[in-house]
Amino acid sequence: VLAELIEKFVSHLSESQLDCYFSMGNYKATDADVKIESLSSVQQLGVEMTVRYGRYLNLLKEHAENGLCFVLVNCEKFLKQQQRDVVSPLCCLQERYAGYDWFASSVFLMMLGDREKTLTFLQRFSRLLVSAFLWLPRLHLSMHLPITTVESGIHPVYFCSTHHIEMLLKAELPLVFSAFHMSGFTPSQISLQWITQCFWNYLDWSEICHYIAICIFLGPDYQVYMCISVFRHLQQDILKHTEA
């Protein structure tokens, strides 16, 4: 039901010029039978984990691996149309996005392994501003960013969302903020980890779906509130660890 809801919501918004922040471009899906060997070693590992998790949740059927590979390869090609050519020694600025696409994988599971539905959704979703914050590969080497931002290798989520998380944490949960300060480890580091992984390995599947849906329906600022609420929930544990 949630998948159907976000699908209709995004489809409706993507047809409105006022709600579209990015252009979609023309892209037709190719390589109907994409094999896992065509992906990087990091992506191959991510696909295996995603399929294993999807089967554990009873969301995926047999041969789901090929469908997910199809989605990942086509997302890469589709997003490449909106990327700059940047010459840099930084690993994160090579042609391919250095990490694994956790957001696309989450959508694939929400769509019960339907590759065409997943790809159509992601293409429409890429027109909306919220895609810049939820789908991190969306802005990899993006022509929509100033060249100085691209060359820095720092994703806008880091200096937008996680910056606001730190500011709010300082005001709302000063003890937690101080605990991080004393540890020499910043709240923005763990927040970026949560956001990049769409909270995989941290929240239950239903909560991951709610996180994605809330940010799509109510706006990307809810990504900040979500992280703050998790820190609030963990406050006692964080303080206990600080004392120990």
C-alpha atoms as a PDB file:
ATOM      1  CA  VAL A   1       0.000   0.000   0.000  1.00  0.00           C
ATOM      2  CA  LEU A   2       2.838   2.397   0.912  1.00  0.00           C
ATOM      3  CA  ALA A   3       4.647   1.629  -2.361  1.00  0.00           C
ATOM      4  CA  GLU A   4       1.479   2.365  -4.340  1.00  0.00           C
ATOM      5  CA  LEU A   5       0.977   5.586  -2.406  1.00  0.00           C
ATOM      6  CA  ILE A   6       4.501   6.975  -3.019  1.00  0.00           C
ATOM      7  CA  GLU A   7       4.276   5.839  -6.657  1.00  0.00           C
ATOM      8  CA  LYS A   8       1.059   7.828  -7.246  1.00  0.00           C
ATOM      9  CA  PHE A   9       2.311  10.794  -5.243  1.00  0.00           C
ATOM     10  CA  VAL A  10       5.612  11.025  -7.163  1.00  0.00           C
ATOM     11  CA  SER A  11       3.875  10.441 -10.495  1.00  0.00           C
ATOM     12  CA  HIS A  12       1.486  13.326  -9.744  1.00  0.00           C
ATOM     13  CA  LEU A  13       4.266  15.725  -8.638  1.00  0.00           C
ATOM     14  CA  SER A  14       6.588  14.839 -11.537  1.00  0.00           C
ATOM     15  CA  GLU A  15       3.921  15.987 -14.000  1.00  0.00           C
ATOM     16  CA  SER A  16       3.770  19.447 -12.423  1.00  0.00           C
ATOM     17  CA  GLN A  17       6.376  21.952 -13.631  1.00  0.00           C
ATOM     18  CA  LEU A  18       6.148  23.835 -10.329  1.00  0.00           C
ATOM     19  CA  ASP A  19       7.178  20.771  -8.329  1.00  0.00           C
ATOM     20  CA  CYS A  20       9.990  19.655 -10.656  1.00  0.00           C
ATOM     21  CA  TYR A  21      13.392  20.904  -9.619  1.00  0.00           C
ATOM     22  CA  PHE A  22      15.482  18.868 -12.081  1.00  0.00           C
ATOM     23  CA  SER A  23      14.965  17.901 -15.711  1.00  0.00           C
ATOM     24  CA  MET A  24      14.343  14.234 -16.462  1.00  0.00           C
ATOM     25  CA  GLY A  25      15.828  13.991 -19.934  1.00  0.00           C
ATOM     26  CA  ASN A  26      14.965  11.207 -22.364  1.00  0.00           C
ATOM     27  CA  TYR A  27      16.084   7.749 -21.392  1.00  0.00           C
ATOM     28  CA  LYS A  28      14.945   4.323 -22.504  1.00  0.00           C
ATOM     29  CA  ALA A  29      15.951   1.313 -20.426  1.00  0.00           C
ATOM     30  CA  THR A  30      18.408  -1.075 -22.092  1.00  0.00           C
ATOM     31  CA  ASP A  31      20.098  -4.415 -21.395  1.00  0.00           C
ATOM     32  CA  ALA A  32      17.078  -6.504 -20.454  1.00  0.00           C
ATOM     33  CA  ASP A  33      19.333  -9.307 -19.174  1.00  0.00           C
ATOM     34  CA  VAL A  34      21.972  -7.543 -17.139  1.00  0.00           C
ATOM     35  CA  LYS A  35      24.268  -9.935 -15.293  1.00  0.00           C
ATOM     36  CA  ILE A  36      25.798  -9.259 -11.887  1.00  0.00           C
ATOM     37  CA  GLU A  37      29.310  -9.531 -13.407  1.00  0.00           C
ATOM     38  CA  SER A  38      28.794  -6.154 -15.123  1.00  0.00           C
ATOM     39  CA  LEU A  39      28.728  -4.409 -11.732  1.00  0.00           C
ATOM     40  CA  SER A  40      31.627  -3.325  -9.520  1.00  0.00           C
ATOM     41  CA  SER A  41      32.672  -5.599  -6.633  1.00  0.00           C
ATOM     42  CA  VAL A  42      31.004  -3.226  -4.117  1.00  0.00           C
ATOM     43  CA  GLN A  43      27.753  -3.296  -6.104  1.00  0.00           C
ATOM     44  CA  GLN A  44      27.883  -7.086  -6.456  1.00  0.00           C
ATOM     45  CA  LEU A  45      28.182  -7.429  -2.694  1.00  0.00           C
ATOM     46  CA  GLY A  46      25.321  -4.945  -2.211  1.00  0.00           C
ATOM     47  CA  VAL A  47      23.089  -6.871  -4.635  1.00  0.00           C
ATOM     48  CA  GLU A  48      23.739 -10.136  -2.768  1.00  0.00           C
ATOM     49  CA  MET A  49      22.902  -8.476   0.567  1.00  0.00           C
ATOM     50  CA  THR A  50      19.758  -6.804  -0.819  1.00  0.00           C
ATOM     51  CA  VAL A  51      18.437 -10.025  -2.359  1.00  0.00           C
ATOM     52  CA  ARG A  52      19.195 -11.970   0.832  1.00  0.00           C
ATOM     53  CA  TYR A  53      17.370  -9.341   2.911  1.00  0.00           C
ATOM     54  CA  GLY A  54      14.451  -9.214   0.455  1.00  0.00           C
ATOM     55  CA  ARG A  55      14.015 -12.980   0.634  1.00  0.00           C
ATOM     56  CA  TYR A  56      14.242 -12.899   4.428  1.00  0.00           C
ATOM     57  CA  LEU A  57      11.367 -10.360   4.389  1.00  0.00           C
ATOM     58  CA  ASN A  58       9.441 -12.474   1.828  1.00  0.00           C
ATOM     59  CA  LEU A  59       9.405  -9.564  -0.628  1.00  0.00           C
ATOM     60  CA  LEU A  60      11.414 -11.096  -3.475  1.00  0.00           C
ATOM     61  CA  LYS A  61      10.965 -14.167  -5.652  1.00  0.00           C
ATOM     62  CA  GLU A  62      13.555 -16.252  -7.511  1.00  0.00           C
ATOM     63  CA  HIS A  63      15.860 -14.487  -9.998  1.00  0.00           C
ATOM     64  CA  ALA A  64      15.375 -11.130  -8.287  1.00  0.00           C
ATOM     65  CA  GLU A  65      19.131 -10.600  -8.614  1.00  0.00           C
ATOM     66  CA  ASN A  66      18.879  -9.964 -12.367  1.00  0.00           C
ATOM     67  CA  GLY A  67      16.066  -7.459 -11.848  1.00  0.00           C
ATOM     68  CA  LEU A  68      18.075  -5.483  -9.295  1.00  0.00           C
ATOM     69  CA  CYS A  69      21.161  -5.485 -11.551  1.00  0.00           C
ATOM     70  CA  PHE A  70      18.947  -4.187 -14.383  1.00  0.00           C
ATOM     71  CA  VAL A  71      17.749  -1.321 -12.138  1.00  0.00           C
ATOM     72  CA  LEU A  72      21.250  -0.391 -10.909  1.00  0.00           C
ATOM     73  CA  VAL A  73      22.880  -0.432 -14.355  1.00  0.00           C
ATOM     74  CA  ASN A  74      20.083   1.641 -15.898  1.00  0.00           C
ATOM     75  CA  CYS A  75      20.070   4.126 -13.012  1.00  0.00           C
ATOM     76  CA  GLU A  76      23.806   4.611 -13.533  1.00  0.00           C
ATOM     77  CA  LYS A  77      23.340   5.229 -17.278  1.00  0.00           C
ATOM     78  CA  PHE A  78      20.333   7.465 -16.726  1.00  0.00           C
ATOM     79  CA  LEU A  79      22.097   9.621 -14.111  1.00  0.00           C
ATOM     80  CA  LYS A  80      25.248   9.779 -16.250  1.00  0.00           C
ATOM     81  CA  GLN A  81      23.322  11.972 -18.712  1.00  0.00           C
ATOM     82  CA  GLN A  82      23.328  14.709 -16.049  1.00  0.00           C
ATOM     83  CA  GLN A  83      26.941  14.388 -14.895  1.00  0.00           C
ATOM     84  CA  ARG A  84      29.995  16.574 -15.481  1.00  0.00           C
ATOM     85  CA  ASP A  85      33.422  15.397 -16.594  1.00  0.00           C
ATOM     86  CA  VAL A  86      35.735  15.995 -13.656  1.00  0.00           C
ATOM     87  CA  VAL A  87      39.429  15.116 -13.539  1.00  0.00           C
ATOM     88  CA  SER A  88      40.371  14.436  -9.924  1.00  0.00           C
ATOM     89  CA  PRO A  89      42.563  12.017  -7.950  1.00  0.00           C
ATOM     90  CA  LEU A  90      39.774  11.643  -5.344  1.00  0.00           C
ATOM     91  CA  CYS A  91      38.281   8.121  -5.277  1.00  0.00           C
ATOM     92  CA  CYS A  92      34.775   9.526  -4.758  1.00  0.00           C
ATOM     93  CA  LEU A  93      35.047  11.560  -7.979  1.00  0.00           C
ATOM     94  CA  GLN A  94      35.736   8.731 -10.367  1.00  0.00           C
ATOM     95  CA  GLU A  95      33.227   7.995 -13.113  1.00  0.00           C
ATOM     96  CA  ARG A  96      31.216   5.563 -10.997  1.00  0.00           C
ATOM     97  CA  TYR A  97      29.596   6.415  -7.664  1.00  0.00           C
ATOM     98  CA  ALA A  98      31.997   4.873  -5.139  1.00  0.00           C
ATOM     99  CA  GLY A  99      29.399   3.339  -2.806  1.00  0.00           C
ATOM    100  CA  TYR A 100      26.339   1.167  -3.202  1.00  0.00           C
ATOM    101  CA  ASP A 101      22.938   2.568  -4.159  1.00  0.00           C
ATOM    102  CA  TRP A 102      20.930   1.782  -1.018  1.00  0.00           C
ATOM    103  CA  PHE A 103      18.019   4.023  -1.965  1.00  0.00           C
ATOM    104  CA  ALA A 104      17.393   2.334  -5.333  1.00  0.00           C
ATOM    105  CA  SER A 105      17.641  -1.037  -3.564  1.00  0.00           C
ATOM    106  CA  SER A 106      15.112   0.072  -0.940  1.00  0.00           C
ATOM    107  CA  VAL A 107      12.672   1.156  -3.666  1.00  0.00           C
ATOM    108  CA  PHE A 108      13.232  -2.175  -5.461  1.00  0.00           C
ATOM    109  CA  LEU A 109      12.181  -4.028  -2.290  1.00  0.00           C
ATOM    110  CA  MET A 110       9.203  -1.691  -1.748  1.00  0.00           C
ATOM    111  CA  MET A 111       8.087  -2.451  -5.323  1.00  0.00           C
ATOM    112  CA  LEU A 112       8.389  -6.196  -4.557  1.00  0.00           C
ATOM    113  CA  GLY A 113      11.178  -6.693  -7.084  1.00  0.00           C
ATOM    114  CA  ASP A 114       9.322  -5.219 -10.086  1.00  0.00           C
ATOM    115  CA  ARG A 115      12.223  -3.769 -12.085  1.00  0.00           C
ATOM    116  CA  GLU A 116      10.187  -1.746 -14.624  1.00  0.00           C
ATOM    117  CA  LYS A 117       8.061  -0.176 -11.884  1.00  0.00           C
ATOM    118  CA  THR A 118      11.181   0.619  -9.830  1.00  0.00           C
ATOM    119  CA  LEU A 119      13.004   2.250 -12.740  1.00  0.00           C
ATOM    120  CA  THR A 120       9.966   4.296 -13.801  1.00  0.00           C
ATOM    121  CA  PHE A 121       9.519   5.492 -10.220  1.00  0.00           C
ATOM    122  CA  LEU A 122      13.202   6.466  -9.880  1.00  0.00           C
ATOM    123  CA  GLN A 123      13.178   8.373 -13.172  1.00  0.00           C
ATOM    124  CA  ARG A 124      10.135  10.379 -12.088  1.00  0.00           C
ATOM    125  CA  PHE A 125      11.470  10.798  -8.559  1.00  0.00           C
ATOM    126  CA  SER A 126      14.753  12.214  -9.923  1.00  0.00           C
ATOM    127  CA  ARG A 127      12.864  15.350 -11.034  1.00  0.00           C
ATOM    128  CA  LEU A 128      11.954  16.283  -7.455  1.00  0.00           C
ATOM    129  CA  LEU A 129      14.145  18.229  -5.028  1.00  0.00           C
ATOM    130  CA  VAL A 130      13.796  15.545  -2.336  1.00  0.00           C
ATOM    131  CA  SER A 131      15.724  13.125  -4.600  1.00  0.00           C
ATOM    132  CA  ALA A 132      18.890  15.175  -3.973  1.00  0.00           C
ATOM    133  CA  PHE A 133      18.694  14.310  -0.272  1.00  0.00           C
ATOM    134  CA  LEU A 134      17.293  10.776  -0.213  1.00  0.00           C
ATOM    135  CA  TRP A 135      19.074   9.329  -3.266  1.00  0.00           C
ATOM    136  CA  LEU A 136      22.763  10.151  -2.813  1.00  0.00           C
ATOM    137  CA  PRO A 137      24.014   8.919  -6.239  1.00  0.00           C
ATOM    138  CA  ARG A 138      21.515  11.399  -7.762  1.00  0.00           C
ATOM    139  CA  LEU A 139      23.982  14.291  -7.313  1.00  0.00           C
ATOM    140  CA  HIS A 140      27.196  12.358  -8.033  1.00  0.00           C
ATOM    141  CA  LEU A 141      29.234  14.630 -10.386  1.00  0.00           C
ATOM    142  CA  SER A 142      25.960  16.418 -11.103  1.00  0.00           C
ATOM    143  CA  MET A 143      25.747  19.299 -13.568  1.00  0.00           C
ATOM    144  CA  HIS A 144      23.116  20.772 -11.232  1.00  0.00           C
ATOM    145  CA  LEU A 145      25.828  21.606  -8.665  1.00  0.00           C
ATOM    146  CA  PRO A 146      28.440  24.388  -8.892  1.00  0.00           C
ATOM    147  CA  ILE A 147      31.766  23.024 -10.181  1.00  0.00           C
ATOM    148  CA  THR A 148      33.542  23.977  -6.923  1.00  0.00           C
ATOM    149  CA  THR A 149      31.045  21.851  -4.953  1.00  0.00           C
ATOM    150  CA  VAL A 150      31.533  18.890  -7.297  1.00  0.00           C
ATOM    151  CA  GLU A 151      35.343  19.125  -7.111  1.00  0.00           C
ATOM    152  CA  SER A 152      35.278  19.198  -3.304  1.00  0.00           C
ATOM    153  CA  GLY A 153      33.874  15.656  -3.311  1.00  0.00           C
ATOM    154  CA  ILE A 154      31.539  16.603  -0.441  1.00  0.00           C
ATOM    155  CA  HIS A 155      27.904  15.644  -0.974  1.00  0.00           C
ATOM    156  CA  PRO A 156      25.317  18.414  -0.329  1.00  0.00           C
ATOM    157  CA  VAL A 157      23.652  16.131   2.254  1.00  0.00           C
ATOM    158  CA  TYR A 158      26.770  16.617   4.381  1.00  0.00           C
ATOM    159  CA  PHE A 159      26.798  20.417   4.389  1.00  0.00           C
ATOM    160  CA  CYS A 160      22.974  20.775   4.302  1.00  0.00           C
ATOM    161  CA  SER A 161      21.193  17.994   6.224  1.00  0.00           C
ATOM    162  CA  THR A 162      23.933  16.937   8.640  1.00  0.00           C
ATOM    163  CA  HIS A 163      24.889  20.568   9.329  1.00  0.00           C
ATOM    164  CA  HIS A 164      21.290  21.254  10.393  1.00  0.00           C
ATOM    165  CA  ILE A 165      21.267  18.034  12.434  1.00  0.00           C
ATOM    166  CA  GLU A 166      24.268  19.304  14.419  1.00  0.00           C
ATOM    167  CA  MET A 167      22.694  22.739  14.937  1.00  0.00           C
ATOM    168  CA  LEU A 168      19.396  21.219  16.141  1.00  0.00           C
ATOM    169  CA  LEU A 169      21.138  18.625  18.284  1.00  0.00           C
ATOM    170  CA  LYS A 170      23.045  21.363  20.083  1.00  0.00           C
ATOM    171  CA  ALA A 171      19.759  23.164  20.873  1.00  0.00           C
ATOM    172  CA  GLU A 172      17.477  20.175  21.523  1.00  0.00           C
ATOM    173  CA  LEU A 173      19.804  17.584  23.049  1.00  0.00           C
ATOM    174  CA  PRO A 174      22.816  19.453  24.514  1.00  0.00           C
ATOM    175  CA  LEU A 175      23.968  16.442  26.577  1.00  0.00           C
ATOM    176  CA  VAL A 176      24.113  14.213  23.493  1.00  0.00           C
ATOM    177  CA  PHE A 177      25.921  16.959  21.565  1.00  0.00           C
ATOM    178  CA  SER A 178      28.494  17.286  24.388  1.00  0.00           C
ATOM    179  CA  ALA A 179      28.963  13.516  24.513  1.00  0.00           C
ATOM    180  CA  PHE A 180      29.852  13.505  20.807  1.00  0.00           C
ATOM    181  CA  HIS A 181      32.137  16.504  21.281  1.00  0.00           C
ATOM    182  CA  MET A 182      34.026  14.709  24.085  1.00  0.00           C
ATOM    183  CA  SER A 183      34.393  11.543  22.002  1.00  0.00           C
ATOM    184  CA  GLY A 184      36.023  13.411  19.108  1.00  0.00           C
ATOM    185  CA  PHE A 185      33.403  11.893  16.813  1.00  0.00           C
ATOM    186  CA  THR A 186      30.817  14.173  15.174  1.00  0.00           C
ATOM    187  CA  PRO A 187      27.042  13.583  14.983  1.00  0.00           C
ATOM    188  CA  SER A 188      27.246  14.479  11.280  1.00  0.00           C
ATOM    189  CA  GLN A 189      29.444  11.417  10.612  1.00  0.00           C
ATOM    190  CA  ILE A 190      26.954   8.912  11.992  1.00  0.00           C
ATOM    191  CA  SER A 191      24.010  10.855  10.483  1.00  0.00           C
ATOM    192  CA  LEU A 192      25.630  10.708   7.033  1.00  0.00           C
ATOM    193  CA  GLN A 193      26.119   6.950   7.508  1.00  0.00           C
ATOM    194  CA  TRP A 194      22.422   6.493   8.378  1.00  0.00           C
ATOM    195  CA  ILE A 195      21.251   8.653   5.458  1.00  0.00           C
ATOM    196  CA  THR A 196      23.612   7.062   2.914  1.00  0.00           C
ATOM    197  CA  GLN A 197      22.437   3.576   3.908  1.00  0.00           C
ATOM    198  CA  CYS A 198      18.761   4.609   4.186  1.00  0.00           C
ATOM    199  CA  PHE A 199      19.004   3.394   7.798  1.00  0.00           C
ATOM    200  CA  TRP A 200      19.669  -0.197   6.659  1.00  0.00           C
ATOM    201  CA  ASN A 201      21.207  -2.218   9.494  1.00  0.00           C
ATOM    202  CA  TYR A 202      19.853   0.375  11.978  1.00  0.00           C
ATOM    203  CA  LEU A 203      16.033   0.347  11.644  1.00  0.00           C
ATOM    204  CA  ASP A 204      13.491  -2.383  10.919  1.00  0.00           C
ATOM    205  CA  TRP A 205      12.189  -2.636   7.359  1.00  0.00           C
ATOM    206  CA  SER A 206       8.791  -1.035   8.125  1.00  0.00           C
ATOM    207  CA  GLU A 207      10.576   1.945   9.726  1.00  0.00           C
ATOM    208  CA  ILE A 208      12.878   2.301   6.705  1.00  0.00           C
ATOM    209  CA  CYS A 209       9.763   2.455   4.487  1.00  0.00           C
ATOM    210  CA  HIS A 210       8.228   5.080   6.788  1.00  0.00           C
ATOM    211  CA  TYR A 211      11.432   7.156   6.676  1.00  0.00           C
ATOM    212  CA  ILE A 212      11.420   7.182   2.852  1.00  0.00           C
ATOM    213  CA  ALA A 213       7.687   7.895   2.651  1.00  0.00           C
ATOM    214  CA  ILE A 214       7.736  10.691   5.257  1.00  0.00           C
ATOM    215  CA  CYS A 215      10.579  12.507   3.452  1.00  0.00           C
ATOM    216  CA  ILE A 216       8.791  12.173   0.099  1.00  0.00           C
ATOM    217  CA  PHE A 217       5.389  13.332   1.416  1.00  0.00           C
ATOM    218  CA  LEU A 218       6.482  16.046   3.843  1.00  0.00           C
ATOM    219  CA  GLY A 219       9.804  17.227   2.398  1.00  0.00           C
ATOM    220  CA  PRO A 220      13.548  16.639   2.817  1.00  0.00           C
ATOM    221  CA  ASP A 221      13.712  18.562   6.119  1.00  0.00           C
ATOM    222  CA  TYR A 222      12.089  15.499   7.728  1.00  0.00           C
ATOM    223  CA  GLN A 223      15.386  13.715   7.121  1.00  0.00           C
ATOM    224  CA  VAL A 224      16.843  16.079   9.740  1.00  0.00           C
ATOM    225  CA  TYR A 225      13.981  15.564  12.205  1.00  0.00           C
ATOM    226  CA  MET A 226      14.237  11.787  11.765  1.00  0.00           C
ATOM    227  CA  CYS A 227      17.922  11.763  12.736  1.00  0.00           C
ATOM    228  CA  ILE A 228      17.251  14.047  15.719  1.00  0.00           C
ATOM    229  CA  SER A 229      14.472  11.730  16.912  1.00  0.00           C
ATOM    230  CA  VAL A 230      16.834   8.735  16.661  1.00  0.00           C
ATOM    231  CA  PHE A 231      19.443  10.606  18.733  1.00  0.00           C
ATOM    232  CA  ARG A 232      16.716  11.441  21.279  1.00  0.00           C
ATOM    233  CA  HIS A 233      15.707   7.774  21.396  1.00  0.00           C
ATOM    234  CA  LEU A 234      19.374   6.766  21.944  1.00  0.00           C
ATOM    235  CA  GLN A 235      20.123   9.539  24.453  1.00  0.00           C
ATOM    236  CA  GLN A 236      20.340   7.324  27.572  1.00  0.00           C
ATOM    237  CA  ASP A 237      22.552   4.761  25.808  1.00  0.00           C
ATOM    238  CA  ILE A 238      24.854   7.483  24.448  1.00  0.00           C
ATOM    239  CA  LEU A 239      25.236   9.089  27.892  1.00  0.00           C
ATOM    240  CA  LYS A 240      25.826   5.686  29.523  1.00  0.00           C
ATOM    241  CA  HIS A 241      28.587   4.890  27.000  1.00  0.00           C
ATOM    242  CA  THR A 242      30.142   8.322  27.566  1.00  0.00           C
ATOM    243  CA  GLU A 243      30.339   7.698  31.327  1.00  0.00           C
ATOM    244  CA  ALA A 244      31.849   4.271  30.768  1.00  0.00           C
END
